[in-house]
Protein backbone atom coordinates (compact mmCIF):
# COMPACT_ATOMS: atom_id res chain seq x y z
CA UNK A 1 45.98 116.23 41.47
CA UNK A 2 46.22 119.99 41.72
CA UNK A 3 49.69 121.57 42.07
CA UNK A 4 51.79 119.17 40.29
CA UNK A 5 54.81 120.70 38.50
CA UNK A 6 55.12 119.91 34.86
CA UNK A 7 58.52 121.12 33.31
CA UNK A 8 60.10 120.95 29.97
CA UNK A 9 63.21 119.10 30.94
CA UNK A 10 66.42 121.14 30.66
CA UNK A 11 64.51 124.49 30.36
CA UNK A 12 62.64 126.81 32.95
CA UNK A 13 59.44 126.43 30.93
CA UNK A 14 56.62 124.87 32.97
CA UNK A 15 53.36 124.82 34.61
CA UNK A 16 51.30 123.81 37.59
CA UNK A 17 48.28 121.45 37.25
CA UNK A 18 44.95 123.03 37.91
CA UNK A 19 42.06 121.80 40.53
CA UNK A 20 41.21 119.00 38.11
CA UNK A 21 44.99 117.80 37.40
CA UNK A 22 44.95 119.39 33.97
CA UNK A 23 47.55 121.55 32.17
CA UNK A 24 48.34 123.05 28.78
CA UNK A 25 51.95 123.47 27.67
CA UNK A 26 53.30 124.25 24.25
CA UNK A 27 56.79 122.43 23.73
CA UNK A 28 59.11 121.61 21.00
CA UNK A 29 58.20 118.28 19.50
CA UNK A 30 60.77 115.84 20.89
CA UNK A 31 60.71 117.28 24.50
CA UNK A 32 60.76 115.37 27.80
CA UNK A 33 58.23 116.47 30.46
CA UNK A 34 59.41 116.18 33.99
CA UNK A 35 56.63 115.81 36.41
CA UNK A 36 56.83 116.23 40.19
CA UNK A 37 54.95 116.76 43.49
CA UNK A 38 56.35 117.12 46.76
CA UNK A 39 56.64 114.01 48.69
CA UNK A 40 56.44 111.84 45.41
CA UNK A 41 59.08 110.43 43.08
CA UNK A 42 59.61 112.68 39.90
CA UNK A 43 58.64 110.98 36.53
CA UNK A 44 59.87 111.76 32.86
CA UNK A 45 57.57 111.51 30.00
CA UNK A 46 58.69 111.67 26.33
CA UNK A 47 56.74 113.58 24.06
CA UNK A 48 57.79 112.08 20.69
CA UNK A 49 56.26 114.66 18.35
CA UNK A 50 52.53 114.28 19.84
CA UNK A 51 50.42 117.34 19.21
CA UNK A 52 48.05 116.30 22.10
CA UNK A 53 48.66 113.91 25.01
CA UNK A 54 46.41 112.49 27.64
CA UNK A 55 48.76 111.66 30.49
CA UNK A 56 48.05 109.04 33.24
CA UNK A 57 50.65 109.20 35.95
CA UNK A 58 51.15 107.21 38.71
CA UNK A 59 52.97 108.99 41.55
CA UNK A 60 55.11 106.92 43.93
CA UNK A 61 55.93 108.22 47.27
CA UNK A 62 59.54 109.16 48.06
CA UNK A 63 61.59 107.65 50.64
CA UNK A 64 61.63 109.64 53.84
CA UNK A 65 64.75 111.51 54.65
CA UNK A 66 64.86 109.27 57.85
CA UNK A 67 64.71 105.86 55.74
């Protein structure tokens, strides 16, 4: 999905996914990534020292402010 925000939790370091949903980000080895997209619930993924990850993420819609 294009335009998904991927941030290193607790920092201002982050990127936005490209047209194919890909991104590249250098992070400390025990980082947590916060993944968010407008209208969807944010998710956090622990890196656990991995050098390269393939992340498949299911995005769930957030409740409407009217709910």
